[in-house]
C-alpha atoms as a PDB file:
ATOM      1  CA  MET A   1      60.171 131.322 158.904  1.00  0.00           C
ATOM      2  CA  TYR A   2      63.475 131.845 160.609  1.00  0.00           C
ATOM      3  CA  LYS A   3      64.521 133.255 163.975  1.00  0.00           C
ATOM      4  CA  TYR A   4      67.955 134.612 163.035  1.00  0.00           C
ATOM      5  CA  ASN A   5      69.175 136.330 159.870  1.00  0.00           C
ATOM      6  CA  ARG A   6      72.708 136.500 158.497  1.00  0.00           C
ATOM      7  CA  ALA A   7      73.401 139.810 160.264  1.00  0.00           C
ATOM      8  CA  ASP A   8      72.453 138.217 163.597  1.00  0.00           C
ATOM      9  CA  TYR A   9      74.901 135.388 162.934  1.00  0.00           C
ATOM     10  CA  MET A  10      77.715 137.670 161.808  1.00  0.00           C
ATOM     11  CA  SER A  11      77.252 139.963 164.829  1.00  0.00           C
ATOM     12  CA  GLY A  12      77.359 137.062 167.284  1.00  0.00           C
ATOM     13  CA  LYS A  13      73.697 137.221 168.292  1.00  0.00           C
ATOM     14  CA  CYS A  14      73.554 133.493 167.536  1.00  0.00           C
ATOM     15  CA  ASN A  15      76.186 130.822 167.077  1.00  0.00           C
ATOM     16  CA  HIS A  16      76.985 128.788 163.967  1.00  0.00           C
ATOM     17  CA  HIS A  17      74.889 125.789 164.954  1.00  0.00           C
ATOM     18  CA  ASP A  18      71.858 127.831 165.996  1.00  0.00           C
ATOM     19  CA  TYR A  19      71.914 129.777 162.740  1.00  0.00           C
ATOM     20  CA  TYR A  20      72.140 126.812 160.385  1.00  0.00           C
ATOM     21  CA  SER A  21      70.040 124.354 162.396  1.00  0.00           C
ATOM     22  CA  GLN A  22      67.003 126.619 162.084  1.00  0.00           C
ATOM     23  CA  PHE A  23      66.841 125.581 158.397  1.00  0.00           C
ATOM     24  CA  VAL A  24      66.911 121.825 159.071  1.00  0.00           C
ATOM     25  CA  SER A  25      63.655 119.997 158.383  1.00  0.00           C
ATOM     26  CA  LYS A  26      62.590 116.361 158.623  1.00  0.00           C
ATOM     27  CA  GLY A  27      63.312 116.131 154.908  1.00  0.00           C
ATOM     28  CA  THR A  28      66.837 117.437 155.453  1.00  0.00           C
ATOM     29  CA  ILE A  29      67.449 114.879 158.192  1.00  0.00           C
ATOM     30  CA  TYR A  30      66.155 112.108 155.928  1.00  0.00           C
ATOM     31  CA  LEU A  31      68.355 113.293 153.045  1.00  0.00           C
ATOM     32  CA  VAL A  32      71.463 113.357 155.231  1.00  0.00           C
ATOM     33  CA  GLY A  33      70.648 109.916 156.605  1.00  0.00           C
ATOM     34  CA  VAL A  34      70.370 108.497 153.094  1.00  0.00           C
ATOM     35  CA  VAL A  35      73.108 110.351 151.194  1.00  0.00           C
ATOM     36  CA  ILE A  36      75.717 110.685 153.953  1.00  0.00           C
ATOM     37  CA  GLY A  37      74.624 107.611 155.881  1.00  0.00           C
ATOM     38  CA  LYS A  38      73.679 107.189 159.491  1.00  0.00           C
ATOM     39  CA  GLY A  39      76.658 104.880 160.045  1.00  0.00           C
ATOM     40  CA  ALA A  40      79.150 107.422 158.698  1.00  0.00           C
ATOM     41  CA  ILE A  41      77.660 110.126 160.909  1.00  0.00           C
ATOM     42  CA  LEU A  42      77.728 107.988 164.036  1.00  0.00           C
ATOM     43  CA  ASP A  43      81.278 106.782 163.257  1.00  0.00           C
ATOM     44  CA  SER A  44      82.592 110.293 162.612  1.00  0.00           C
ATOM     45  CA  GLU A  45      85.201 111.384 165.119  1.00  0.00           C
ATOM     46  CA  MET A  46      85.337 115.022 163.983  1.00  0.00           C
ATOM     47  CA  HIS A  47      82.999 117.670 165.429  1.00  0.00           C
ATOM     48  CA  ASP A  48      82.592 119.159 161.933  1.00  0.00           C
ATOM     49  CA  PHE A  49      82.292 115.782 160.167  1.00  0.00           C
ATOM     50  CA  SER A  50      85.400 116.603 158.127  1.00  0.00           C
ATOM     51  CA  ASP A  51      86.322 112.928 158.145  1.00  0.00           C
ATOM     52  CA  ILE A  52      83.389 112.309 155.789  1.00  0.00           C
ATOM     53  CA  GLN A  53      84.320 112.861 152.142  1.00  0.00           C
ATOM     54  CA  ASP A  54      83.552 116.321 150.772  1.00  0.00           C
ATOM     55  CA  ILE A  55      81.980 114.775 147.657  1.00  0.00           C
ATOM     56  CA  LYS A  56      79.210 113.250 149.802  1.00  0.00           C
ATOM     57  CA  TRP A  57      78.341 116.650 151.271  1.00  0.00           C
ATOM     58  CA  GLU A  58      78.460 118.247 147.814  1.00  0.00           C
ATOM     59  CA  ARG A  59      76.144 115.571 146.378  1.00  0.00           C
ATOM     60  CA  ALA A  60      73.675 116.090 149.199  1.00  0.00           C
ATOM     61  CA  ALA A  61      73.898 119.863 148.683  1.00  0.00           C
ATOM     62  CA  MET A  62      72.820 119.397 145.064  1.00  0.00           C
ATOM     63  CA  ILE A  63      69.667 117.593 146.263  1.00  0.00           C
ATOM     64  CA  ILE A  64      68.620 119.633 149.314  1.00  0.00           C
ATOM     65  CA  VAL A  65      65.381 121.574 148.858  1.00  0.00           C
ATOM     66  CA  ASP A  66      63.748 121.858 152.283  1.00  0.00           C
ATOM     67  CA  GLY A  67      64.632 125.013 154.151  1.00  0.00           C
ATOM     68  CA  LEU A  68      66.167 126.820 151.179  1.00  0.00           C
ATOM     69  CA  PRO A  69      63.550 129.564 150.833  1.00  0.00           C
ATOM     70  CA  ALA A  70      64.029 130.526 154.491  1.00  0.00           C
ATOM     71  CA  LEU A  71      67.813 130.263 154.182  1.00  0.00           C
ATOM     72  CA  SER A  72      67.734 132.495 151.129  1.00  0.00           C
ATOM     73  CA  ALA A  73      65.575 135.060 152.918  1.00  0.00           C
ATOM     74  CA  ALA A  74      67.802 135.023 156.004  1.00  0.00           C
ATOM     75  CA  ASN A  75      70.896 135.390 153.814  1.00  0.00           C
ATOM     76  CA  GLY A  76      69.587 138.382 151.917  1.00  0.00           C
ATOM     77  CA  GLY A  77      68.541 136.422 148.840  1.00  0.00           C
ATOM     78  CA  LYS A  78      71.615 134.311 148.230  1.00  0.00           C
ATOM     79  CA  ILE A  79      72.717 130.797 149.108  1.00  0.00           C
ATOM     80  CA  THR A  80      76.181 129.355 148.611  1.00  0.00           C
ATOM     81  CA  LEU A  81      77.283 125.732 148.404  1.00  0.00           C
ATOM     82  CA  GLU A  82      78.901 126.240 151.790  1.00  0.00           C
ATOM     83  CA  ASP A  83      75.614 127.451 153.272  1.00  0.00           C
ATOM     84  CA  LYS A  84      73.891 124.290 152.066  1.00  0.00           C
ATOM     85  CA  ILE A  85      76.653 122.116 153.487  1.00  0.00           C
ATOM     86  CA  HIS A  86      76.419 123.896 156.845  1.00  0.00           C
ATOM     87  CA  VAL A  87      72.677 123.107 156.945  1.00  0.00           C
ATOM     88  CA  LEU A  88      73.406 119.474 156.068  1.00  0.00           C
ATOM     89  CA  LYS A  89      76.067 119.242 158.764  1.00  0.00           C
ATOM     90  CA  ALA A  90      73.661 120.774 161.285  1.00  0.00           C
ATOM     91  CA  ALA A  91      71.269 117.934 160.400  1.00  0.00           C
ATOM     92  CA  ALA A  92      74.108 115.426 160.801  1.00  0.00           C
ATOM     93  CA  TYR A  93      74.839 116.853 164.246  1.00  0.00           C
ATOM     94  CA  MET A  94      71.185 116.340 165.179  1.00  0.00           C
ATOM     95  CA  ILE A  95      71.390 112.717 163.978  1.00  0.00           C
ATOM     96  CA  LYS A  96      74.610 112.171 165.929  1.00  0.00           C
ATOM     97  CA  ARG A  97      72.942 113.434 169.103  1.00  0.00           C
ATOM     98  CA  ASN A  98      69.694 111.567 168.451  1.00  0.00           C
ATOM     99  CA  PRO A  99      70.239 108.547 166.143  1.00  0.00           C
ATOM    100  CA  GLU A 100      66.562 107.597 166.349  1.00  0.00           C
ATOM    101  CA  LEU A 101      65.797 110.481 163.971  1.00  0.00           C
ATOM    102  CA  VAL A 102      66.910 108.200 161.111  1.00  0.00           C
ATOM    103  CA  LYS A 103      65.822 104.585 160.667  1.00  0.00           C
END
């Protein structure tokens, strides 16, 4: 289940982080910790993690499963690569703020 849909996000009812973080699960956090790497996340100096190679985000986006049904429903039945990467980066932000989420 999700709190905000795409229309809410586009109208400004919620911000970017709030919209995409609602689709982050424990599995998503684990995936980001493994594929992107906790060290890379903690070492990142960019708020959007753009100093981490795009190929890493794209690889993780090919694996992500958790949260996709809700994301699809909130997006009106479609999910883009960019949507998946935004969810992954929301998980990375959570790890950056709370490194104990990943071993």
